[in-house]
Amino acid sequence: MEEKLNELRKNIDEIDNKVLKLLNERMKFVEAIGKFKQTTGTSIYRPEREKEIIDRLTKLSKEQNGLLKREDIEAIFLEIFSTSRNLERT
């Protein structure tokens, strides 16, 4: 039984590694967007853009028969957005 649990955890660890890699990749684009916004005087906080992303991901999760509901996606991505805004300001 312990062996099965370890195998499941190993799968989660591998996914976590991929998620981290993708988040770092996302932040490279966030950094570039931040530089663009600073040179053009564009506002960093764009709540309508964040809503668009949440809406799109909620729809995608439903289409994929995913387990994440809107409130789950919001909770995860509000943290990602917050980190992104901080990076855009630097």
PDB file of N, CA and C in Angstrom:
ATOM      1  N   MET A   1       0.830  -1.195   0.000  1.00  0.00           N
ATOM      2  CA  MET A   1       0.000   0.000   0.000  1.00  0.00           C
ATOM      3  C   MET A   1       0.871   1.255   0.000  1.00  0.00           C
ATOM      4  N   GLU A   2       1.913   1.260   0.799  1.00  0.00           N
ATOM      5  CA  GLU A   2       2.837   2.397   0.863  1.00  0.00           C
ATOM      6  C   GLU A   2       3.498   2.620  -0.497  1.00  0.00           C
ATOM      7  N   GLU A   3       3.777   1.525  -1.191  1.00  0.00           N
ATOM      8  CA  GLU A   3       4.403   1.608  -2.511  1.00  0.00           C
ATOM      9  C   GLU A   3       3.491   2.345  -3.497  1.00  0.00           C
ATOM     10  N   LYS A   4       2.216   2.039  -3.447  1.00  0.00           N
ATOM     11  CA  LYS A   4       1.234   2.694  -4.325  1.00  0.00           C
ATOM     12  C   LYS A   4       1.152   4.184  -4.007  1.00  0.00           C
ATOM     13  N   LEU A   5       1.125   4.535  -2.743  1.00  0.00           N
ATOM     14  CA  LEU A   5       1.090   5.934  -2.324  1.00  0.00           C
ATOM     15  C   LEU A   5       2.329   6.677  -2.813  1.00  0.00           C
ATOM     16  N   ASN A   6       3.488   6.046  -2.683  1.00  0.00           N
ATOM     17  CA  ASN A   6       4.728   6.669  -3.149  1.00  0.00           C
ATOM     18  C   ASN A   6       4.715   6.891  -4.656  1.00  0.00           C
ATOM     19  N   GLU A   7       4.160   5.941  -5.389  1.00  0.00           N
ATOM     20  CA  GLU A   7       4.065   6.085  -6.845  1.00  0.00           C
ATOM     21  C   GLU A   7       3.137   7.238  -7.217  1.00  0.00           C
ATOM     22  N   LEU A   8       2.017   7.353  -6.537  1.00  0.00           N
ATOM     23  CA  LEU A   8       1.089   8.463  -6.787  1.00  0.00           C
ATOM     24  C   LEU A   8       1.757   9.793  -6.462  1.00  0.00           C
ATOM     25  N   ARG A   9       2.475   9.846  -5.367  1.00  0.00           N
ATOM     26  CA  ARG A   9       3.180  11.077  -4.984  1.00  0.00           C
ATOM     27  C   ARG A   9       4.269  11.426  -5.985  1.00  0.00           C
ATOM     28  N   LYS A  10       4.932  10.415  -6.513  1.00  0.00           N
ATOM     29  CA  LYS A  10       5.956  10.639  -7.529  1.00  0.00           C
ATOM     30  C   LYS A  10       5.335  11.287  -8.768  1.00  0.00           C
ATOM     31  N   ASN A  11       4.158  10.830  -9.147  1.00  0.00           N
ATOM     32  CA  ASN A  11       3.449  11.432 -10.280  1.00  0.00           C
ATOM     33  C   ASN A  11       3.114  12.895 -10.012  1.00  0.00           C
ATOM     34  N   ILE A  12       2.660  13.186  -8.815  1.00  0.00           N
ATOM     35  CA  ILE A  12       2.351  14.566  -8.442  1.00  0.00           C
ATOM     36  C   ILE A  12       3.618  15.416  -8.471  1.00  0.00           C
ATOM     37  N   ASP A  13       4.727  14.884  -7.954  1.00  0.00           N
ATOM     38  CA  ASP A  13       6.000  15.619  -7.971  1.00  0.00           C
ATOM     39  C   ASP A  13       6.419  15.966  -9.400  1.00  0.00           C
ATOM     40  N   GLU A  14       6.243  15.031 -10.311  1.00  0.00           N
ATOM     41  CA  GLU A  14       6.599  15.280 -11.714  1.00  0.00           C
ATOM     42  C   GLU A  14       5.720  16.373 -12.322  1.00  0.00           C
ATOM     43  N   ILE A  15       4.458  16.352 -11.992  1.00  0.00           N
ATOM     44  CA  ILE A  15       3.546  17.396 -12.478  1.00  0.00           C
ATOM     45  C   ILE A  15       3.916  18.740 -11.863  1.00  0.00           C
ATOM     46  N   ASP A  16       4.207  18.748 -10.568  1.00  0.00           N
ATOM     47  CA  ASP A  16       4.624  19.991  -9.900  1.00  0.00           C
ATOM     48  C   ASP A  16       5.855  20.582 -10.567  1.00  0.00           C
ATOM     49  N   ASN A  17       6.796  19.737 -10.954  1.00  0.00           N
ATOM     50  CA  ASN A  17       7.993  20.220 -11.646  1.00  0.00           C
ATOM     51  C   ASN A  17       7.628  20.890 -12.966  1.00  0.00           C
ATOM     52  N   LYS A  18       6.686  20.309 -13.685  1.00  0.00           N
ATOM     53  CA  LYS A  18       6.237  20.882 -14.957  1.00  0.00           C
ATOM     54  C   LYS A  18       5.497  22.199 -14.730  1.00  0.00           C
ATOM     55  N   VAL A  19       4.667  22.240 -13.697  1.00  0.00           N
ATOM     56  CA  VAL A  19       3.933  23.468 -13.375  1.00  0.00           C
ATOM     57  C   VAL A  19       4.912  24.587 -13.055  1.00  0.00           C
ATOM     58  N   LEU A  20       5.925  24.292 -12.254  1.00  0.00           N
ATOM     59  CA  LEU A  20       6.926  25.305 -11.902  1.00  0.00           C
ATOM     60  C   LEU A  20       7.652  25.808 -13.147  1.00  0.00           C
ATOM     61  N   LYS A  21       8.036  24.893 -14.021  1.00  0.00           N
ATOM     62  CA  LYS A  21       8.723  25.287 -15.251  1.00  0.00           C
ATOM     63  C   LYS A  21       7.834  26.215 -16.085  1.00  0.00           C
ATOM     64  N   LEU A  22       6.561  25.877 -16.204  1.00  0.00           N
ATOM     65  CA  LEU A  22       5.629  26.709 -16.975  1.00  0.00           C
ATOM     66  C   LEU A  22       5.387  28.060 -16.301  1.00  0.00           C
ATOM     67  N   LEU A  23       5.321  28.087 -14.981  1.00  0.00           N
ATOM     68  CA  LEU A  23       5.150  29.361 -14.278  1.00  0.00           C
ATOM     69  C   LEU A  23       6.361  30.258 -14.485  1.00  0.00           C
ATOM     70  N   ASN A  24       7.558  29.690 -14.445  1.00  0.00           N
ATOM     71  CA  ASN A  24       8.755  30.489 -14.712  1.00  0.00           C
ATOM     72  C   ASN A  24       8.753  31.007 -16.146  1.00  0.00           C
ATOM     73  N   GLU A  25       8.303  30.182 -17.068  1.00  0.00           N
ATOM     74  CA  GLU A  25       8.194  30.613 -18.467  1.00  0.00           C
ATOM     75  C   GLU A  25       7.173  31.753 -18.595  1.00  0.00           C
ATOM     76  N   ARG A  26       6.054  31.615 -17.887  1.00  0.00           N
ATOM     77  CA  ARG A  26       5.021  32.659 -17.898  1.00  0.00           C
ATOM     78  C   ARG A  26       5.593  33.972 -17.373  1.00  0.00           C
ATOM     79  N   MET A  27       6.391  33.885 -16.310  1.00  0.00           N
ATOM     80  CA  MET A  27       6.931  35.088 -15.693  1.00  0.00           C
ATOM     81  C   MET A  27       7.917  35.819 -16.609  1.00  0.00           C
ATOM     82  N   LYS A  28       8.562  35.104 -17.507  1.00  0.00           N
ATOM     83  CA  LYS A  28       9.435  35.773 -18.483  1.00  0.00           C
ATOM     84  C   LYS A  28       8.611  36.685 -19.382  1.00  0.00           C
ATOM     85  N   PHE A  29       7.430  36.226 -19.783  1.00  0.00           N
ATOM     86  CA  PHE A  29       6.539  37.064 -20.590  1.00  0.00           C
ATOM     87  C   PHE A  29       5.966  38.207 -19.762  1.00  0.00           C
ATOM     88  N   VAL A  30       5.662  37.927 -18.498  1.00  0.00           N
ATOM     89  CA  VAL A  30       5.169  38.967 -17.589  1.00  0.00           C
ATOM     90  C   VAL A  30       6.211  40.071 -17.456  1.00  0.00           C
ATOM     91  N   GLU A  31       7.462  39.682 -17.310  1.00  0.00           N
ATOM     92  CA  GLU A  31       8.544  40.656 -17.193  1.00  0.00           C
ATOM     93  C   GLU A  31       8.619  41.540 -18.442  1.00  0.00           C
ATOM     94  N   ALA A  32       8.507  40.927 -19.612  1.00  0.00           N
ATOM     95  CA  ALA A  32       8.535  41.688 -20.869  1.00  0.00           C
ATOM     96  C   ALA A  32       7.337  42.620 -20.971  1.00  0.00           C
ATOM     97  N   ILE A  33       6.175  42.155 -20.546  1.00  0.00           N
ATOM     98  CA  ILE A  33       4.974  42.992 -20.560  1.00  0.00           C
ATOM     99  C   ILE A  33       5.148  44.165 -19.596  1.00  0.00           C
ATOM    100  N   GLY A  34       5.737  43.897 -18.424  1.00  0.00           N
ATOM    101  CA  GLY A  34       5.989  44.965 -17.449  1.00  0.00           C
ATOM    102  C   GLY A  34       6.879  46.056 -18.018  1.00  0.00           C
ATOM    103  N   LYS A  35       7.925  45.658 -18.723  1.00  0.00           N
ATOM    104  CA  LYS A  35       8.817  46.648 -19.345  1.00  0.00           C
ATOM    105  C   LYS A  35       8.064  47.452 -20.396  1.00  0.00           C
ATOM    106  N   PHE A  36       7.243  46.785 -21.184  1.00  0.00           N
ATOM    107  CA  PHE A  36       6.450  47.466 -22.199  1.00  0.00           C
ATOM    108  C   PHE A  36       5.494  48.466 -21.543  1.00  0.00           C
ATOM    109  N   LYS A  37       4.808  48.034 -20.499  1.00  0.00           N
ATOM    110  CA  LYS A  37       3.859  48.913 -19.810  1.00  0.00           C
ATOM    111  C   LYS A  37       4.571  50.124 -19.206  1.00  0.00           C
ATOM    112  N   GLN A  38       5.761  49.919 -18.671  1.00  0.00           N
ATOM    113  CA  GLN A  38       6.502  51.032 -18.075  1.00  0.00           C
ATOM    114  C   GLN A  38       6.901  52.061 -19.128  1.00  0.00           C
ATOM    115  N   THR A  39       7.282  51.593 -20.316  1.00  0.00           N
ATOM    116  CA  THR A  39       7.692  52.538 -21.362  1.00  0.00           C
ATOM    117  C   THR A  39       6.507  53.243 -22.001  1.00  0.00           C
ATOM    118  N   THR A  40       5.328  52.616 -21.950  1.00  0.00           N
ATOM    119  CA  THR A  40       4.151  53.224 -22.576  1.00  0.00           C
ATOM    120  C   THR A  40       3.210  53.888 -21.577  1.00  0.00           C
ATOM    121  N   GLY A  41       3.525  53.748 -20.291  1.00  0.00           N
ATOM    122  CA  GLY A  41       2.670  54.349 -19.265  1.00  0.00           C
ATOM    123  C   GLY A  41       1.347  53.624 -19.074  1.00  0.00           C
ATOM    124  N   THR A  42       1.295  52.380 -19.501  1.00  0.00           N
ATOM    125  CA  THR A  42       0.074  51.577 -19.370  1.00  0.00           C
ATOM    126  C   THR A  42      -0.075  51.089 -17.934  1.00  0.00           C
ATOM    127  N   SER A  43      -1.316  51.016 -17.477  1.00  0.00           N
ATOM    128  CA  SER A  43      -1.597  50.556 -16.125  1.00  0.00           C
ATOM    129  C   SER A  43      -1.197  49.095 -15.954  1.00  0.00           C
ATOM    130  N   ILE A  44      -0.603  48.788 -14.818  1.00  0.00           N
ATOM    131  CA  ILE A  44      -0.201  47.413 -14.538  1.00  0.00           C
ATOM    132  C   ILE A  44      -1.412  46.569 -14.151  1.00  0.00           C
ATOM    133  N   TYR A  45      -2.273  47.116 -13.319  1.00  0.00           N
ATOM    134  CA  TYR A  45      -3.435  46.347 -12.865  1.00  0.00           C
ATOM    135  C   TYR A  45      -4.545  46.467 -13.887  1.00  0.00           C
ATOM    136  N   ARG A  46      -4.926  45.342 -14.467  1.00  0.00           N
ATOM    137  CA  ARG A  46      -5.981  45.294 -15.479  1.00  0.00           C
ATOM    138  C   ARG A  46      -7.013  44.246 -15.077  1.00  0.00           C
ATOM    139  N   PRO A  47      -7.959  44.616 -14.208  1.00  0.00           N
ATOM    140  CA  PRO A  47      -8.924  43.629 -13.712  1.00  0.00           C
ATOM    141  C   PRO A  47      -9.746  42.981 -14.826  1.00  0.00           C
ATOM    142  N   GLU A  48     -10.011  43.721 -15.897  1.00  0.00           N
ATOM    143  CA  GLU A  48     -10.789  43.137 -16.997  1.00  0.00           C
ATOM    144  C   GLU A  48     -10.000  42.014 -17.687  1.00  0.00           C
ATOM    145  N   ARG A  49      -8.686  42.171 -17.775  1.00  0.00           N
ATOM    146  CA  ARG A  49      -7.838  41.122 -18.364  1.00  0.00           C
ATOM    147  C   ARG A  49      -7.817  39.895 -17.457  1.00  0.00           C
ATOM    148  N   GLU A  50      -7.716  40.117 -16.172  1.00  0.00           N
ATOM    149  CA  GLU A  50      -7.729  38.997 -15.232  1.00  0.00           C
ATOM    150  C   GLU A  50      -9.057  38.245 -15.308  1.00  0.00           C
ATOM    151  N   LYS A  51     -10.162  38.982 -15.422  1.00  0.00           N
ATOM    152  CA  LYS A  51     -11.474  38.342 -15.550  1.00  0.00           C
ATOM    153  C   LYS A  51     -11.561  37.528 -16.831  1.00  0.00           C
ATOM    154  N   GLU A  52     -11.028  38.078 -17.930  1.00  0.00           N
ATOM    155  CA  GLU A  52     -11.018  37.342 -19.198  1.00  0.00           C
ATOM    156  C   GLU A  52     -10.280  36.012 -19.055  1.00  0.00           C
ATOM    157  N   ILE A  53      -9.159  36.044 -18.369  1.00  0.00           N
ATOM    158  CA  ILE A  53      -8.374  34.823 -18.181  1.00  0.00           C
ATOM    159  C   ILE A  53      -9.146  33.810 -17.344  1.00  0.00           C
ATOM    160  N   ILE A  54      -9.728  34.260 -16.245  1.00  0.00           N
ATOM    161  CA  ILE A  54     -10.508  33.360 -15.378  1.00  0.00           C
ATOM    162  C   ILE A  54     -11.680  32.777 -16.161  1.00  0.00           C
ATOM    163  N   ASP A  55     -12.372  33.615 -16.918  1.00  0.00           N
ATOM    164  CA  ASP A  55     -13.497  33.127 -17.727  1.00  0.00           C
ATOM    165  C   ASP A  55     -13.040  32.067 -18.726  1.00  0.00           C
ATOM    166  N   ARG A  56     -11.938  32.346 -19.411  1.00  0.00           N
ATOM    167  CA  ARG A  56     -11.431  31.419 -20.428  1.00  0.00           C
ATOM    168  C   ARG A  56     -11.019  30.090 -19.798  1.00  0.00           C
ATOM    169  N   LEU A  57     -10.319  30.161 -18.676  1.00  0.00           N
ATOM    170  CA  LEU A  57      -9.858  28.940 -18.026  1.00  0.00           C
ATOM    171  C   LEU A  57     -11.005  28.143 -17.411  1.00  0.00           C
ATOM    172  N   THR A  58     -12.017  28.831 -16.912  1.00  0.00           N
ATOM    173  CA  THR A  58     -13.195  28.148 -16.370  1.00  0.00           C
ATOM    174  C   THR A  58     -13.896  27.379 -17.483  1.00  0.00           C
ATOM    175  N   LYS A  59     -14.055  28.023 -18.619  1.00  0.00           N
ATOM    176  CA  LYS A  59     -14.679  27.361 -19.775  1.00  0.00           C
ATOM    177  C   LYS A  59     -13.854  26.160 -20.213  1.00  0.00           C
ATOM    178  N   LEU A  60     -12.534  26.339 -20.293  1.00  0.00           N
ATOM    179  CA  LEU A  60     -11.650  25.262 -20.698  1.00  0.00           C
ATOM    180  C   LEU A  60     -11.722  24.087 -19.726  1.00  0.00           C
ATOM    181  N   SER A  61     -11.762  24.376 -18.437  1.00  0.00           N
ATOM    182  CA  SER A  61     -11.846  23.315 -17.435  1.00  0.00           C
ATOM    183  C   SER A  61     -13.141  22.516 -17.607  1.00  0.00           C
ATOM    184  N   LYS A  62     -14.237  23.211 -17.874  1.00  0.00           N
ATOM    185  CA  LYS A  62     -15.520  22.521 -18.103  1.00  0.00           C
ATOM    186  C   LYS A  62     -15.440  21.642 -19.348  1.00  0.00           C
ATOM    187  N   GLU A  63     -14.846  22.175 -20.414  1.00  0.00           N
ATOM    188  CA  GLU A  63     -14.723  21.414 -21.661  1.00  0.00           C
ATOM    189  C   GLU A  63     -13.876  20.166 -21.474  1.00  0.00           C
ATOM    190  N   GLN A  64     -12.899  20.245 -20.584  1.00  0.00           N
ATOM    191  CA  GLN A  64     -12.004  19.120 -20.324  1.00  0.00           C
ATOM    192  C   GLN A  64     -12.551  18.188 -19.239  1.00  0.00           C
ATOM    193  N   ASN A  65     -13.763  18.468 -18.764  1.00  0.00           N
ATOM    194  CA  ASN A  65     -14.334  17.721 -17.641  1.00  0.00           C
ATOM    195  C   ASN A  65     -13.389  17.720 -16.444  1.00  0.00           C
ATOM    196  N   GLY A  66     -12.753  18.880 -16.241  1.00  0.00           N
ATOM    197  CA  GLY A  66     -11.799  19.028 -15.148  1.00  0.00           C
ATOM    198  C   GLY A  66     -12.471  19.095 -13.793  1.00  0.00           C
ATOM    199  N   LEU A  67     -11.712  18.830 -12.776  1.00  0.00           N
ATOM    200  CA  LEU A  67     -12.225  18.864 -11.407  1.00  0.00           C
ATOM    201  C   LEU A  67     -12.229  20.269 -10.820  1.00  0.00           C
ATOM    202  N   LEU A  68     -11.476  21.194 -11.434  1.00  0.00           N
ATOM    203  CA  LEU A  68     -11.399  22.554 -10.900  1.00  0.00           C
ATOM    204  C   LEU A  68     -12.610  23.375 -11.326  1.00  0.00           C
ATOM    205  N   LYS A  69     -13.255  23.955 -10.339  1.00  0.00           N
ATOM    206  CA  LYS A  69     -14.391  24.843 -10.589  1.00  0.00           C
ATOM    207  C   LYS A  69     -13.881  26.286 -10.622  1.00  0.00           C
ATOM    208  N   ARG A  70     -14.758  27.197 -11.004  1.00  0.00           N
ATOM    209  CA  ARG A  70     -14.372  28.603 -11.138  1.00  0.00           C
ATOM    210  C   ARG A  70     -13.679  29.135  -9.885  1.00  0.00           C
ATOM    211  N   GLU A  71     -14.253  28.846  -8.718  1.00  0.00           N
ATOM    212  CA  GLU A  71     -13.668  29.384  -7.489  1.00  0.00           C
ATOM    213  C   GLU A  71     -12.271  28.808  -7.230  1.00  0.00           C
ATOM    214  N   ASP A  72     -12.040  27.572  -7.644  1.00  0.00           N
ATOM    215  CA  ASP A  72     -10.714  26.973  -7.499  1.00  0.00           C
ATOM    216  C   ASP A  72      -9.712  27.663  -8.429  1.00  0.00           C
ATOM    217  N   ILE A  73     -10.129  27.856  -9.672  1.00  0.00           N
ATOM    218  CA  ILE A  73      -9.280  28.513 -10.663  1.00  0.00           C
ATOM    219  C   ILE A  73      -8.972  29.933 -10.222  1.00  0.00           C
ATOM    220  N   GLU A  74      -9.986  30.630  -9.723  1.00  0.00           N
ATOM    221  CA  GLU A  74      -9.781  32.000  -9.226  1.00  0.00           C
ATOM    222  C   GLU A  74      -8.768  32.029  -8.099  1.00  0.00           C
ATOM    223  N   ALA A  75      -8.901  31.123  -7.142  1.00  0.00           N
ATOM    224  CA  ALA A  75      -7.991  31.108  -5.993  1.00  0.00           C
ATOM    225  C   ALA A  75      -6.549  30.910  -6.448  1.00  0.00           C
ATOM    226  N   ILE A  76      -6.337  30.002  -7.372  1.00  0.00           N
ATOM    227  CA  ILE A  76      -4.990  29.732  -7.874  1.00  0.00           C
ATOM    228  C   ILE A  76      -4.469  30.922  -8.666  1.00  0.00           C
ATOM    229  N   PHE A  77      -5.278  31.413  -9.597  1.00  0.00           N
ATOM    230  CA  PHE A  77      -4.786  32.438 -10.501  1.00  0.00           C
ATOM    231  C   PHE A  77      -4.727  33.826  -9.874  1.00  0.00           C
ATOM    232  N   LEU A  78      -5.498  34.102  -8.852  1.00  0.00           N
ATOM    233  CA  LEU A  78      -5.348  35.392  -8.180  1.00  0.00           C
ATOM    234  C   LEU A  78      -3.960  35.500  -7.558  1.00  0.00           C
ATOM    235  N   GLU A  79      -3.425  34.391  -7.076  1.00  0.00           N
ATOM    236  CA  GLU A  79      -2.048  34.392  -6.559  1.00  0.00           C
ATOM    237  C   GLU A  79      -1.046  34.586  -7.695  1.00  0.00           C
ATOM    238  N   ILE A  80      -1.281  33.926  -8.807  1.00  0.00           N
ATOM    239  CA  ILE A  80      -0.395  34.085  -9.965  1.00  0.00           C
ATOM    240  C   ILE A  80      -0.444  35.524 -10.456  1.00  0.00           C
ATOM    241  N   PHE A  81      -1.644  36.111 -10.521  1.00  0.00           N
ATOM    242  CA  PHE A  81      -1.780  37.500 -10.969  1.00  0.00           C
ATOM    243  C   PHE A  81      -1.062  38.451 -10.023  1.00  0.00           C
ATOM    244  N   SER A  82      -1.194  38.206  -8.732  1.00  0.00           N
ATOM    245  CA  SER A  82      -0.540  39.065  -7.738  1.00  0.00           C
ATOM    246  C   SER A  82       0.982  39.017  -7.902  1.00  0.00           C
ATOM    247  N   THR A  83       1.522  37.836  -8.049  1.00  0.00           N
ATOM    248  CA  THR A  83       2.957  37.678  -8.277  1.00  0.00           C
ATOM    249  C   THR A  83       3.366  38.353  -9.577  1.00  0.00           C
ATOM    250  N   SER A  84       2.538  38.213 -10.598  1.00  0.00           N
ATOM    251  CA  SER A  84       2.827  38.828 -11.897  1.00  0.00           C
ATOM    252  C   SER A  84       2.867  40.347 -11.795  1.00  0.00           C
ATOM    253  N   ARG A  85       1.894  40.932 -11.098  1.00  0.00           N
ATOM    254  CA  ARG A  85       1.874  42.396 -10.941  1.00  0.00           C
ATOM    255  C   ARG A  85       3.124  42.882 -10.230  1.00  0.00           C
ATOM    256  N   ASN A  86       3.540  42.150  -9.183  1.00  0.00           N
ATOM    257  CA  ASN A  86       4.762  42.540  -8.472  1.00  0.00           C
ATOM    258  C   ASN A  86       5.972  42.493  -9.389  1.00  0.00           C
ATOM    259  N   LEU A  87       6.045  41.487 -10.238  1.00  0.00           N
ATOM    260  CA  LEU A  87       7.162  41.366 -11.168  1.00  0.00           C
ATOM    261  C   LEU A  87       7.109  42.468 -12.231  1.00  0.00           C
ATOM    262  N   GLU A  88       5.919  42.814 -12.676  1.00  0.00           N
ATOM    263  CA  GLU A  88       5.776  43.883 -13.670  1.00  0.00           C
ATOM    264  C   GLU A  88       6.271  45.220 -13.123  1.00  0.00           C
ATOM    265  N   ARG A  89       6.172  45.412 -11.835  1.00  0.00           N
ATOM    266  CA  ARG A  89       6.582  46.696 -11.222  1.00  0.00           C
ATOM    267  C   ARG A  89       8.083  46.824 -11.085  1.00  0.00           C
ATOM    268  N   THR A  90       8.818  45.735 -11.220  1.00  0.00           N
ATOM    269  CA  THR A  90      10.275  45.794 -11.005  1.00  0.00           C
ATOM    270  C   THR A  90      11.024  46.130 -12.284  1.00  0.00           C
TER     271      THR A  90
END
